[in-house]
Amino acid sequence: MKLQTLDIRILTELQRNADQTNIALAEKVGLSAPACLKRVKKLKSEGIIERVVAVVSSTAIGKRLNMVVEIYMKNDDLALSNVFINAINESPEVKQCYKVTGEVDFVLIVNVADMFEYEHFCKRVLYSHSNMKKFTTLISLRRTKFDLCQEGLLAD
């Protein structure tokens, strides 16, 4: 699906606030409510909008430590990699996981309440994986930017 300018405006507004009514969204993008709803449904059916979620404040629920964890594996083995991915997918502390290029194999975004919880996660998930070579933890001092909006979506 080639995105039109109106689709971009709809996506931008939904990324800012997906909780707004269709009428409010339609007013912001300059469409009638039925036309806006039709476009949103098409964006969903085409897979452009994957899902609508609530962004929960980790601090508000007591998860004050955010960490970036670089994972180095011993071997580049697909089966062992899949075992690790499954373990990560089952770990509630891991909020995001990326398979990356370069010396590092995976980058995790981990959110925990304290170092005790992080140590428990490391023992349960990271140290227990047989293909783990090493991992490096970067502790976030503060978040300076958090943006889910995709800019520059216009198709050529």
Protein backbone atom coordinates (compact mmCIF):
# COMPACT_ATOMS: atom_id res chain seq x y z
CA MET A 1 0.00 0.00 0.00
CA LYS A 2 1.41 3.37 -1.00
CA LEU A 3 0.80 5.86 1.79
CA GLN A 4 -1.03 9.04 0.89
CA THR A 5 -0.46 12.36 2.66
CA LEU A 6 -3.72 11.92 4.60
CA ASP A 7 -2.63 8.46 5.73
CA ILE A 8 0.61 9.95 7.05
CA ARG A 9 -1.31 12.59 8.95
CA ILE A 10 -3.61 9.95 10.43
CA LEU A 11 -0.67 7.77 11.47
CA THR A 12 1.14 10.72 13.02
CA GLU A 13 -1.90 11.73 15.05
CA LEU A 14 -2.58 8.15 16.16
CA GLN A 15 1.03 7.74 17.26
CA ARG A 16 0.69 10.86 19.37
CA ASN A 17 -2.60 9.72 20.90
CA ALA A 18 -4.29 6.50 19.83
CA ASP A 19 -6.94 7.00 22.52
CA GLN A 20 -8.64 9.93 20.79
CA THR A 21 -12.06 9.51 19.24
CA ASN A 22 -12.47 9.06 15.53
CA ILE A 23 -14.29 12.41 15.42
CA ALA A 24 -11.34 14.19 17.07
CA LEU A 25 -8.91 12.43 14.74
CA ALA A 26 -10.99 13.33 11.68
CA GLU A 27 -11.03 17.00 12.70
CA LYS A 28 -7.25 17.05 13.14
CA VAL A 29 -6.56 15.57 9.72
CA GLY A 30 -9.31 17.40 7.86
CA LEU A 31 -11.60 14.50 6.96
CA SER A 32 -15.18 13.55 7.71
CA ALA A 33 -15.52 11.00 10.51
CA PRO A 34 -16.69 8.18 8.17
CA ALA A 35 -13.84 8.82 5.70
CA CYS A 36 -11.32 8.88 8.53
CA LEU A 37 -12.63 5.63 10.01
CA LYS A 38 -12.48 3.97 6.58
CA ARG A 39 -8.82 4.99 6.19
CA VAL A 40 -7.91 3.79 9.70
CA LYS A 41 -9.57 0.41 9.03
CA LYS A 42 -7.65 0.10 5.76
CA LEU A 43 -4.37 0.96 7.51
CA LYS A 44 -5.12 -1.83 9.99
CA SER A 45 -6.16 -4.38 7.37
CA GLU A 46 -3.04 -3.63 5.30
CA GLY A 47 -0.82 -4.21 8.35
CA ILE A 48 0.43 -0.61 8.46
CA ILE A 49 -1.05 -0.30 11.95
CA GLU A 50 0.09 -3.51 13.63
CA ARG A 51 -1.68 -2.96 16.95
CA VAL A 52 -2.74 -0.27 19.40
CA VAL A 53 -1.11 -0.35 22.84
CA ALA A 54 -0.93 1.64 26.07
CA VAL A 55 2.52 2.93 27.03
CA VAL A 56 2.81 2.28 30.77
CA SER A 57 5.13 4.38 32.93
CA SER A 58 7.70 1.94 34.31
CA THR A 59 8.50 4.31 37.18
CA ALA A 60 4.84 4.49 38.17
CA ILE A 61 4.70 0.70 38.58
CA GLY A 62 7.95 0.50 40.54
CA LYS A 63 10.30 -0.58 37.73
CA ARG A 64 12.82 2.23 38.06
CA LEU A 65 15.94 0.69 36.47
CA ASN A 66 16.23 0.63 32.70
CA MET A 67 19.16 -1.19 31.19
CA VAL A 68 20.60 -1.87 27.79
CA VAL A 69 22.21 -5.30 27.75
CA GLU A 70 24.60 -6.37 25.00
CA ILE A 71 24.68 -10.13 24.52
CA TYR A 72 27.68 -11.94 23.04
CA MET A 73 27.21 -15.58 22.05
CA LYS A 74 29.95 -18.23 21.82
CA ASN A 75 28.75 -19.65 18.51
CA ASP A 76 26.56 -18.39 15.71
CA ASP A 77 24.24 -21.38 15.88
CA LEU A 78 20.61 -21.07 14.76
CA ALA A 79 19.22 -23.69 17.13
CA LEU A 80 21.00 -22.21 20.16
CA SER A 81 19.98 -18.74 19.07
CA ASN A 82 16.34 -19.82 18.94
CA VAL A 83 16.60 -21.32 22.44
CA PHE A 84 17.92 -17.98 23.69
CA ILE A 85 15.19 -16.02 21.87
CA ASN A 86 12.53 -18.27 23.43
CA ALA A 87 13.99 -17.67 26.90
CA ILE A 88 14.03 -13.92 26.29
CA ASN A 89 10.44 -13.97 25.02
CA GLU A 90 9.42 -15.67 28.28
CA SER A 91 11.22 -13.09 30.45
CA PRO A 92 8.93 -10.27 31.62
CA GLU A 93 11.95 -8.12 32.48
CA VAL A 94 12.92 -7.89 28.80
CA LYS A 95 10.88 -5.20 27.08
CA GLN A 96 12.66 -5.28 23.73
CA CYS A 97 15.12 -7.62 22.03
CA TYR A 98 17.05 -6.98 18.84
CA LYS A 99 19.18 -9.42 16.85
CA VAL A 100 21.97 -7.15 15.60
CA THR A 101 25.02 -7.15 13.37
CA GLY A 102 28.61 -6.66 14.50
CA GLU A 103 30.41 -8.14 17.49
CA VAL A 104 27.30 -8.07 19.65
CA ASP A 105 24.64 -10.69 18.84
CA PHE A 106 21.63 -9.29 20.70
CA VAL A 107 20.68 -6.05 22.39
CA LEU A 108 18.08 -6.20 25.15
CA ILE A 109 16.13 -3.44 26.83
CA VAL A 110 15.53 -4.63 30.38
CA ASN A 111 13.32 -2.96 32.98
CA VAL A 112 13.51 -3.97 36.66
CA ALA A 113 12.73 -2.54 40.10
CA ASP A 114 16.22 -2.88 41.54
CA MET A 115 19.60 -4.60 41.24
CA PHE A 116 18.35 -7.61 43.20
CA GLU A 117 15.72 -8.23 40.52
CA TYR A 118 18.30 -7.72 37.77
CA GLU A 119 20.69 -10.18 39.40
CA HIS A 120 17.88 -12.74 39.60
CA PHE A 121 17.14 -12.19 35.89
CA CYS A 122 20.82 -12.64 35.02
CA LYS A 123 21.07 -15.90 36.95
CA ARG A 124 17.78 -17.26 35.64
CA VAL A 125 18.16 -16.30 31.98
CA LEU A 126 21.61 -15.09 30.97
CA TYR A 127 24.01 -17.21 33.02
CA SER A 128 21.93 -20.33 32.47
CA HIS A 129 22.20 -20.19 28.68
CA SER A 130 24.87 -22.59 27.40
CA ASN A 131 25.83 -20.46 24.39
CA MET A 132 26.36 -17.27 26.42
CA LYS A 133 29.90 -15.95 26.00
CA LYS A 134 29.43 -12.70 27.93
CA PHE A 135 27.10 -9.78 28.37
CA THR A 136 27.59 -6.10 29.08
CA THR A 137 25.06 -4.03 31.01
CA LEU A 138 24.56 -0.31 30.48
CA ILE A 139 22.40 1.30 33.17
CA SER A 140 20.31 4.25 32.07
CA LEU A 141 20.77 7.31 34.27
CA ARG A 142 17.74 9.00 32.75
CA ARG A 143 15.70 8.92 29.59
CA THR A 144 16.39 11.90 27.36
CA LYS A 145 14.10 10.89 24.50
CA PHE A 146 11.31 8.40 24.01
CA ASP A 147 9.37 8.66 20.77
CA LEU A 148 7.23 6.08 19.03
CA CYS A 149 6.24 8.34 16.16
CA GLN A 150 7.61 7.49 12.74
CA GLU A 151 8.72 10.58 10.89
CA GLY A 152 9.31 10.80 7.15
CA LEU A 153 6.66 8.27 6.15
CA LEU A 154 5.78 9.82 2.81
CA ALA A 155 6.29 7.43 -0.07
CA ASP A 156 8.16 8.59 -3.18
